[in-house]
C-alpha atoms as a PDB file:
ATOM      1  CA  MET A   1       0.000   0.000   0.000  1.00  0.00           C
ATOM      2  CA  ARG A   2       1.194   3.523  -0.684  1.00  0.00           C
ATOM      3  CA  PRO A   3       2.640   5.347   2.354  1.00  0.00           C
ATOM      4  CA  MET A   4       0.329   8.286   1.691  1.00  0.00           C
ATOM      5  CA  ILE A   5      -2.698   6.046   2.326  1.00  0.00           C
ATOM      6  CA  GLU A   6      -1.156   3.636   4.808  1.00  0.00           C
ATOM      7  CA  ALA A   7      -0.270   6.198   7.490  1.00  0.00           C
ATOM      8  CA  PRO A   8      -3.803   7.629   7.927  1.00  0.00           C
ATOM      9  CA  LEU A   9      -5.297   4.139   7.920  1.00  0.00           C
ATOM     10  CA  ARG A  10      -2.843   3.003  10.584  1.00  0.00           C
ATOM     11  CA  ARG A  11      -3.662   6.075  12.722  1.00  0.00           C
ATOM     12  CA  ALA A  12      -7.400   5.428  12.363  1.00  0.00           C
ATOM     13  CA  THR A  13      -6.987   1.750  13.270  1.00  0.00           C
ATOM     14  CA  ASP A  14      -4.903   2.636  16.318  1.00  0.00           C
ATOM     15  CA  ALA A  15      -7.436   5.278  17.407  1.00  0.00           C
ATOM     16  CA  ILE A  16     -10.310   2.791  17.157  1.00  0.00           C
ATOM     17  CA  ALA A  17      -8.359   0.121  19.011  1.00  0.00           C
ATOM     18  CA  SER A  18      -7.428   2.473  21.862  1.00  0.00           C
ATOM     19  CA  ALA A  19     -10.852   4.141  22.229  1.00  0.00           C
ATOM     20  CA  SER A  20     -12.956   3.329  25.277  1.00  0.00           C
ATOM     21  CA  SER A  21     -16.159   3.956  23.300  1.00  0.00           C
ATOM     22  CA  LEU A  22     -17.072   4.550  19.699  1.00  0.00           C
ATOM     23  CA  ALA A  23     -20.162   6.167  18.130  1.00  0.00           C
ATOM     24  CA  ILE A  24     -21.025   5.581  14.501  1.00  0.00           C
ATOM     25  CA  SER A  25     -23.640   7.815  12.912  1.00  0.00           C
ATOM     26  CA  CYS A  26     -24.759   9.022   9.523  1.00  0.00           C
ATOM     27  CA  HIS A  27     -26.720  11.961   8.186  1.00  0.00           C
ATOM     28  CA  VAL A  28     -30.483  12.511   8.397  1.00  0.00           C
ATOM     29  CA  SER A  29     -32.482  10.382   5.928  1.00  0.00           C
ATOM     30  CA  PRO A  30     -29.590   8.011   5.217  1.00  0.00           C
ATOM     31  CA  ASP A  31     -29.374   6.265   1.870  1.00  0.00           C
ATOM     32  CA  GLY A  32     -27.903   2.860   1.107  1.00  0.00           C
ATOM     33  CA  ASP A  33     -24.343   4.178   0.902  1.00  0.00           C
ATOM     34  CA  ALA A  34     -24.508   5.719   4.369  1.00  0.00           C
ATOM     35  CA  LEU A  35     -26.033   2.621   5.946  1.00  0.00           C
ATOM     36  CA  GLY A  36     -23.568   0.315   4.223  1.00  0.00           C
ATOM     37  CA  SER A  37     -20.645   2.453   5.350  1.00  0.00           C
ATOM     38  CA  ALA A  38     -21.915   2.525   8.929  1.00  0.00           C
ATOM     39  CA  LEU A  39     -22.383  -1.262   8.966  1.00  0.00           C
ATOM     40  CA  ALA A  40     -18.922  -1.827   7.502  1.00  0.00           C
ATOM     41  CA  LEU A  41     -17.294   0.557   9.988  1.00  0.00           C
ATOM     42  CA  GLY A  42     -19.144  -1.071  12.885  1.00  0.00           C
ATOM     43  CA  TYR A  43     -18.079  -4.523  11.715  1.00  0.00           C
ATOM     44  CA  ALA A  44     -14.474  -3.359  11.382  1.00  0.00           C
ATOM     45  CA  ALA A  45     -14.552  -1.759  14.839  1.00  0.00           C
ATOM     46  CA  ILE A  46     -15.831  -4.971  16.410  1.00  0.00           C
ATOM     47  CA  ARG A  47     -13.159  -6.987  14.626  1.00  0.00           C
ATOM     48  CA  ILE A  48     -10.426  -4.625  15.796  1.00  0.00           C
ATOM     49  CA  THR A  49     -11.565  -4.339  19.418  1.00  0.00           C
ATOM     50  CA  SER A  50     -12.628  -7.955  19.949  1.00  0.00           C
ATOM     51  CA  SER A  51      -8.991  -8.976  20.231  1.00  0.00           C
ATOM     52  CA  HIS A  52      -8.504  -6.402  23.026  1.00  0.00           C
ATOM     53  CA  TYR A  53     -11.656  -6.989  25.069  1.00  0.00           C
ATOM     54  CA  LEU A  54     -12.984 -10.415  25.940  1.00  0.00           C
ATOM     55  CA  ALA A  55     -16.562  -9.174  26.431  1.00  0.00           C
ATOM     56  CA  LEU A  56     -17.034  -8.420  22.722  1.00  0.00           C
ATOM     57  CA  PRO A  57     -17.815 -11.465  20.602  1.00  0.00           C
ATOM     58  CA  GLU A  58     -16.560 -11.765  17.076  1.00  0.00           C
ATOM     59  CA  LEU A  59     -19.359 -11.368  14.556  1.00  0.00           C
ATOM     60  CA  ASP A  60     -19.409 -13.509  11.498  1.00  0.00           C
ATOM     61  CA  ILE A  61     -20.487 -12.231   8.113  1.00  0.00           C
ATOM     62  CA  ALA A  62     -23.681 -14.338   8.235  1.00  0.00           C
ATOM     63  CA  THR A  63     -24.903 -12.338  11.229  1.00  0.00           C
ATOM     64  CA  ILE A  64     -24.266  -9.076   9.427  1.00  0.00           C
ATOM     65  CA  LEU A  65     -26.195 -10.282   6.365  1.00  0.00           C
ATOM     66  CA  VAL A  66     -29.056 -12.189   8.029  1.00  0.00           C
ATOM     67  CA  MET A  67     -30.125  -9.656  10.654  1.00  0.00           C
ATOM     68  CA  PRO A  68     -31.059  -6.863   8.194  1.00  0.00           C
ATOM     69  CA  LEU A  69     -33.043  -9.421   6.176  1.00  0.00           C
ATOM     70  CA  VAL A  70     -34.941 -10.572   9.262  1.00  0.00           C
ATOM     71  CA  LEU A  71     -35.568  -6.984  10.327  1.00  0.00           C
ATOM     72  CA  GLY A  72     -36.781  -6.124   6.823  1.00  0.00           C
ATOM     73  CA  ALA A  73     -39.191  -9.077   6.848  1.00  0.00           C
ATOM     74  CA  VAL A  74     -40.625  -7.952  10.196  1.00  0.00           C
ATOM     75  CA  VAL A  75     -41.060  -4.400   8.897  1.00  0.00           C
ATOM     76  CA  LEU A  76     -42.814  -5.609   5.743  1.00  0.00           C
ATOM     77  CA  LEU A  77     -45.125  -7.810   7.784  1.00  0.00           C
ATOM     78  CA  ALA A  78     -45.894  -4.938  10.150  1.00  0.00           C
ATOM     79  CA  CYS A  79     -46.849  -2.787   7.161  1.00  0.00           C
ATOM     80  CA  TYR A  80     -48.749  -5.475   5.253  1.00  0.00           C
ATOM     81  CA  LEU A  81     -51.109  -6.663   7.993  1.00  0.00           C
ATOM     82  CA  PRO A  82     -52.728  -3.278   8.785  1.00  0.00           C
ATOM     83  CA  ALA A  83     -52.867  -2.404   5.077  1.00  0.00           C
ATOM     84  CA  ARG A  84     -54.643  -5.681   4.308  1.00  0.00           C
ATOM     85  CA  ARG A  85     -57.197  -5.005   7.023  1.00  0.00           C
ATOM     86  CA  ALA A  86     -57.731  -1.424   5.846  1.00  0.00           C
ATOM     87  CA  GLY A  87     -58.187  -2.660   2.290  1.00  0.00           C
ATOM     88  CA  ARG A  88     -61.212  -4.710   3.313  1.00  0.00           C
ATOM     89  CA  VAL A  89     -63.138  -1.681   4.609  1.00  0.00           C
ATOM     90  CA  GLU A  90     -65.587   0.114   2.333  1.00  0.00           C
ATOM     91  CA  PRO A  91     -64.668   3.816   2.120  1.00  0.00           C
ATOM     92  CA  MET A  92     -68.309   4.949   2.041  1.00  0.00           C
ATOM     93  CA  ASP A  93     -69.059   3.071   5.285  1.00  0.00           C
ATOM     94  CA  VAL A  94     -66.199   4.853   6.990  1.00  0.00           C
ATOM     95  CA  LEU A  95     -67.321   8.248   5.660  1.00  0.00           C
ATOM     96  CA  ARG A  96     -70.891   7.666   6.864  1.00  0.00           C
ATOM     97  CA  ARG A  97     -69.699   6.975  10.405  1.00  0.00           C
ATOM     98  CA  VAL A  98     -67.704  10.216  10.594  1.00  0.00           C
END
């Protein structure tokens, strides 16, 4: 790796490894790039610090990939069930009751 890139990366890795806490955030209304970067940085931070602290488990790549899929399925189900119930109601019946 070029020294111009290697030195800042080494400093960042050392700073993460020596930090007592670490906060990862992104901007308001994050897009896929921001979320992917935050997940990758969090994964890297856990990998770096897990060798220093015994309380942090090492995460495997399957956990990183499966958990967003499970969370997405729960969100879709939580949106679908009320929408299905609302779709069965006649709009005129609702307007007459109001």
